Amino acid sequence: MKRTIVLLGPPGSGKGTQGEKLSQELGFVRLSTGDMLREAARNGTPLGIKAKGYMDSGALVPNELIINLMKEKVASLGEGVGVIFDGFPRTVEQADALGEQIKVDLALNLDVDDDELINRLTKRRSCPKCNSVFHLEYNPPAKPGICDKCGAELYHRDDDKEETVANRLKVYRKNTMPLIEYYEKRGILQTIKGEGSIDEIFANVKKTVL
């Protein structure tokens, strides 16, 4: 089984959902930069305050902020712990920094068409308390506007609104797509079509990981 996995794919491709399922079923520690940054922003930490402006506009948080956050997290984990990196690295510079800290066994790329991505993101609703994510069409909460897990009121993230989504995809194409070539050259890239039901996608993800 691959012990260190980088999840790649555009915003809305399902990295968070598939990463969570891998974590639950195979015992990996899932490190999501998005969740960590949003938590830092809610807590008003120096990193969170700096990052919030970038996230709200759909721009990438600067490499230095992300790398410092991830180095701290990796250093806190024990040896031999399986790790899933969700949302990191997003640039070649970040990939180089990650490679200095830990050996990556697999780069798993979820490929999804842009029209489907826009539909997924603009109809997504998030929980500010436990970071759970719902979708008005594919995965609605049992009670409209309320988180199934903790009962908090769901909200529409600024970076999931249509204008910002378009910018996020543009930023992804420019900055993150080179990572596919980066990991392909290292012989550890696997691409899976990220469309269909969550369970169908997960079956293919699991085969690749195992």
Protein backbone atom coordinates (compact mmCIF):
# COMPACT_ATOMS: atom_id res chain seq x y z
CA MET A 1 0.00 0.00 0.00
CA LYS A 2 1.18 3.53 -0.81
CA ARG A 3 2.03 5.33 2.46
CA THR A 4 2.33 8.94 1.31
CA ILE A 5 -0.23 10.24 -1.18
CA VAL A 6 -0.65 13.64 -2.85
CA LEU A 7 -4.18 14.29 -4.13
CA LEU A 8 -4.28 16.41 -7.28
CA GLY A 9 -7.22 17.85 -9.20
CA PRO A 10 -9.02 21.15 -9.77
CA PRO A 11 -11.29 22.77 -7.16
CA GLY A 12 -14.45 20.68 -6.86
CA SER A 13 -12.87 17.48 -8.20
CA GLY A 14 -13.63 15.62 -4.97
CA LYS A 15 -10.18 15.58 -3.38
CA GLY A 16 -11.60 16.29 0.07
CA THR A 17 -14.33 13.64 -0.17
CA GLN A 18 -12.02 10.93 -1.47
CA GLY A 19 -9.26 11.88 0.95
CA GLU A 20 -11.67 11.59 3.88
CA LYS A 21 -12.87 8.16 2.72
CA LEU A 22 -9.27 6.94 2.36
CA SER A 23 -8.49 8.27 5.80
CA GLN A 24 -11.48 6.54 7.40
CA GLU A 25 -11.02 3.20 5.65
CA LEU A 26 -7.23 2.86 5.54
CA GLY A 27 -6.21 4.88 8.60
CA PHE A 28 -4.26 7.65 6.88
CA VAL A 29 -3.81 11.08 8.45
CA ARG A 30 -5.48 13.52 6.05
CA LEU A 31 -3.82 16.92 5.88
CA SER A 32 -6.06 19.46 4.15
CA THR A 33 -4.52 22.89 3.72
CA GLY A 34 -7.98 24.32 3.00
CA ASP A 35 -9.40 23.11 6.32
CA MET A 36 -6.30 24.21 8.22
CA LEU A 37 -6.26 27.65 6.63
CA ARG A 38 -9.99 28.22 7.22
CA GLU A 39 -9.56 27.19 10.85
CA ALA A 40 -6.63 29.59 11.20
CA ALA A 41 -8.75 32.34 9.62
CA ARG A 42 -11.66 31.69 12.01
CA ASN A 43 -9.28 31.69 14.97
CA GLY A 44 -7.73 34.96 13.83
CA THR A 45 -4.15 33.67 13.90
CA PRO A 46 -1.48 35.74 12.12
CA LEU A 47 -1.35 33.12 9.35
CA GLY A 48 -5.14 32.99 9.11
CA ILE A 49 -5.51 36.77 8.82
CA LYS A 50 -2.96 36.89 6.01
CA ALA A 51 -4.46 33.92 4.19
CA LYS A 52 -8.12 35.01 4.38
CA GLY A 53 -7.70 37.83 1.88
CA TYR A 54 -6.23 35.47 -0.70
CA MET A 55 -8.85 32.76 -0.14
CA ASP A 56 -11.80 35.16 -0.37
CA SER A 57 -10.64 36.36 -3.79
CA GLY A 58 -9.96 32.84 -5.10
CA ALA A 59 -6.21 33.45 -5.37
CA LEU A 60 -3.55 31.03 -4.17
CA VAL A 61 -2.19 31.58 -0.68
CA PRO A 62 1.55 32.43 -1.02
CA ASN A 63 3.95 29.49 -0.97
CA GLU A 64 5.78 30.66 2.15
CA LEU A 65 2.61 30.60 4.27
CA ILE A 66 1.53 27.17 3.06
CA ILE A 67 4.99 25.60 3.31
CA ASN A 68 5.48 26.81 6.88
CA LEU A 69 2.09 25.40 7.86
CA MET A 70 2.74 22.00 6.28
CA LYS A 71 6.28 21.67 7.65
CA GLU A 72 4.88 22.21 11.13
CA LYS A 73 2.20 19.55 10.61
CA VAL A 74 4.54 16.94 9.09
CA ALA A 75 7.05 17.43 11.91
CA SER A 76 4.33 16.71 14.48
CA LEU A 77 3.48 13.27 13.00
CA GLY A 78 5.15 10.08 14.20
CA GLU A 79 7.32 7.95 11.93
CA GLY A 80 5.58 5.46 9.66
CA VAL A 81 2.22 7.26 9.73
CA GLY A 82 0.40 7.20 6.39
CA VAL A 83 -0.34 10.70 5.11
CA ILE A 84 -2.75 12.06 2.51
CA PHE A 85 -1.99 15.59 1.32
CA ASP A 86 -5.22 17.26 0.18
CA GLY A 87 -4.73 20.64 -1.50
CA PHE A 88 -0.95 20.61 -1.11
CA PRO A 89 1.27 20.99 -3.02
CA ARG A 90 -0.32 23.38 -5.50
CA THR A 91 2.86 24.60 -7.18
CA VAL A 92 6.15 23.04 -8.25
CA GLU A 93 7.92 25.10 -5.58
CA GLN A 94 5.64 23.59 -2.93
CA ALA A 95 6.25 20.10 -4.36
CA ASP A 96 10.00 20.62 -4.05
CA ALA A 97 9.57 21.81 -0.44
CA LEU A 98 7.39 18.78 0.35
CA GLY A 99 9.94 16.46 -1.23
CA GLU A 100 12.57 17.78 1.16
CA GLN A 101 10.38 16.76 4.10
CA ILE A 102 8.95 13.40 3.04
CA LYS A 103 9.03 10.83 0.20
CA VAL A 104 5.84 10.88 -1.90
CA ASP A 105 4.73 7.40 -3.03
CA LEU A 106 1.76 8.34 -5.20
CA ALA A 107 0.33 11.44 -6.87
CA LEU A 108 -3.36 10.71 -7.52
CA ASN A 109 -4.98 13.07 -10.04
CA LEU A 110 -8.79 13.38 -10.20
CA ASP A 111 -9.82 14.58 -13.67
CA VAL A 112 -13.19 16.39 -14.01
CA ASP A 113 -14.65 18.55 -16.83
CA ASP A 114 -15.00 22.30 -16.15
CA ASP A 115 -18.80 22.39 -16.56
CA GLU A 116 -19.18 19.71 -13.91
CA LEU A 117 -16.74 21.52 -11.60
CA ILE A 118 -18.71 24.78 -11.79
CA ASN A 119 -21.96 22.93 -11.03
CA ARG A 120 -20.39 21.19 -8.05
CA LEU A 121 -18.77 24.26 -6.54
CA THR A 122 -21.52 26.85 -6.89
CA LYS A 123 -24.04 24.49 -5.27
CA ARG A 124 -21.72 23.50 -2.43
CA ARG A 125 -22.47 24.46 1.17
CA SER A 126 -19.97 24.25 4.03
CA CYS A 127 -20.09 23.91 7.80
CA PRO A 128 -18.11 26.62 9.63
CA LYS A 129 -17.79 24.46 12.75
CA CYS A 130 -16.72 20.94 11.68
CA ASN A 131 -15.72 21.64 8.03
CA SER A 132 -18.25 19.15 6.60
CA VAL A 133 -19.26 19.87 3.01
CA PHE A 134 -22.68 19.29 1.40
CA HIS A 135 -24.08 19.77 -2.10
CA LEU A 136 -27.59 21.02 -2.83
CA GLU A 137 -28.01 18.46 -5.62
CA TYR A 138 -25.69 15.50 -4.97
CA ASN A 139 -25.37 15.42 -1.18
CA PRO A 140 -27.95 17.70 0.48
CA PRO A 141 -28.18 17.92 4.28
CA ALA A 142 -31.11 16.09 5.90
CA LYS A 143 -32.43 19.44 7.15
CA PRO A 144 -31.99 22.35 4.68
CA GLY A 145 -29.22 24.72 5.74
CA ILE A 146 -28.16 22.64 8.79
CA CYS A 147 -25.07 20.43 9.15
CA ASP A 148 -25.94 16.74 9.64
CA LYS A 149 -22.89 16.15 11.81
CA CYS A 150 -22.87 19.01 14.32
CA GLY A 151 -26.07 21.02 13.76
CA ALA A 152 -24.35 24.26 12.80
CA GLU A 153 -25.82 26.55 10.13
CA LEU A 154 -24.30 25.92 6.71
CA TYR A 155 -22.97 28.77 4.59
CA HIS A 156 -22.00 29.50 0.98
CA ARG A 157 -18.25 30.10 0.99
CA ASP A 158 -17.09 33.22 -0.85
CA ASP A 159 -14.70 31.10 -2.90
CA ASP A 160 -17.61 28.87 -4.05
CA LYS A 161 -19.53 31.72 -5.71
CA GLU A 162 -19.65 31.68 -9.51
CA GLU A 163 -17.33 34.58 -10.28
CA THR A 164 -14.72 33.35 -7.81
CA VAL A 165 -15.04 29.76 -9.05
CA ALA A 166 -14.12 30.87 -12.57
CA ASN A 167 -11.04 32.61 -11.20
CA ARG A 168 -10.10 29.58 -9.09
CA LEU A 169 -10.15 27.35 -12.17
CA LYS A 170 -8.04 29.87 -14.08
CA VAL A 171 -5.51 29.99 -11.25
CA TYR A 172 -5.47 26.18 -11.13
CA ARG A 173 -4.74 25.83 -14.84
CA LYS A 174 -1.87 28.29 -14.59
CA ASN A 175 -0.22 27.25 -11.34
CA THR A 176 -1.18 23.69 -10.48
CA MET A 177 -1.41 21.85 -13.81
CA PRO A 178 2.43 21.76 -14.06
CA LEU A 179 2.36 19.43 -11.05
CA ILE A 180 0.83 16.70 -13.21
CA GLU A 181 3.91 16.77 -15.45
CA TYR A 182 6.17 17.11 -12.37
CA TYR A 183 4.93 13.87 -10.80
CA GLU A 184 4.54 12.11 -14.15
CA LYS A 185 8.27 12.58 -14.77
CA ARG A 186 8.93 10.94 -11.41
CA GLY A 187 6.85 7.92 -12.37
CA ILE A 188 4.34 8.19 -9.50
CA LEU A 189 1.33 9.86 -11.20
CA GLN A 190 -1.99 8.04 -11.61
CA THR A 191 -5.03 9.77 -13.17
CA ILE A 192 -8.62 8.73 -12.40
CA LYS A 193 -11.82 10.16 -13.89
CA GLY A 194 -13.47 11.99 -10.98
CA GLU A 195 -17.03 11.71 -12.31
CA GLY A 196 -19.81 9.32 -11.29
CA SER A 197 -21.03 8.46 -7.81
CA ILE A 198 -18.75 9.02 -4.80
CA ASP A 199 -18.58 5.25 -4.21
CA GLU A 200 -17.76 4.50 -7.86
CA ILE A 201 -14.90 6.98 -7.81
CA PHE A 202 -13.68 5.67 -4.46
CA ALA A 203 -13.56 2.08 -5.77
CA ASN A 204 -11.10 3.21 -8.46
CA VAL A 205 -9.14 5.36 -5.98
CA LYS A 206 -8.78 2.45 -3.58
CA LYS A 207 -7.52 0.11 -6.31
CA THR A 208 -4.84 2.64 -7.21
CA VAL A 209 -3.74 3.15 -3.60
CA LEU A 210 -3.60 -0.55 -2.77
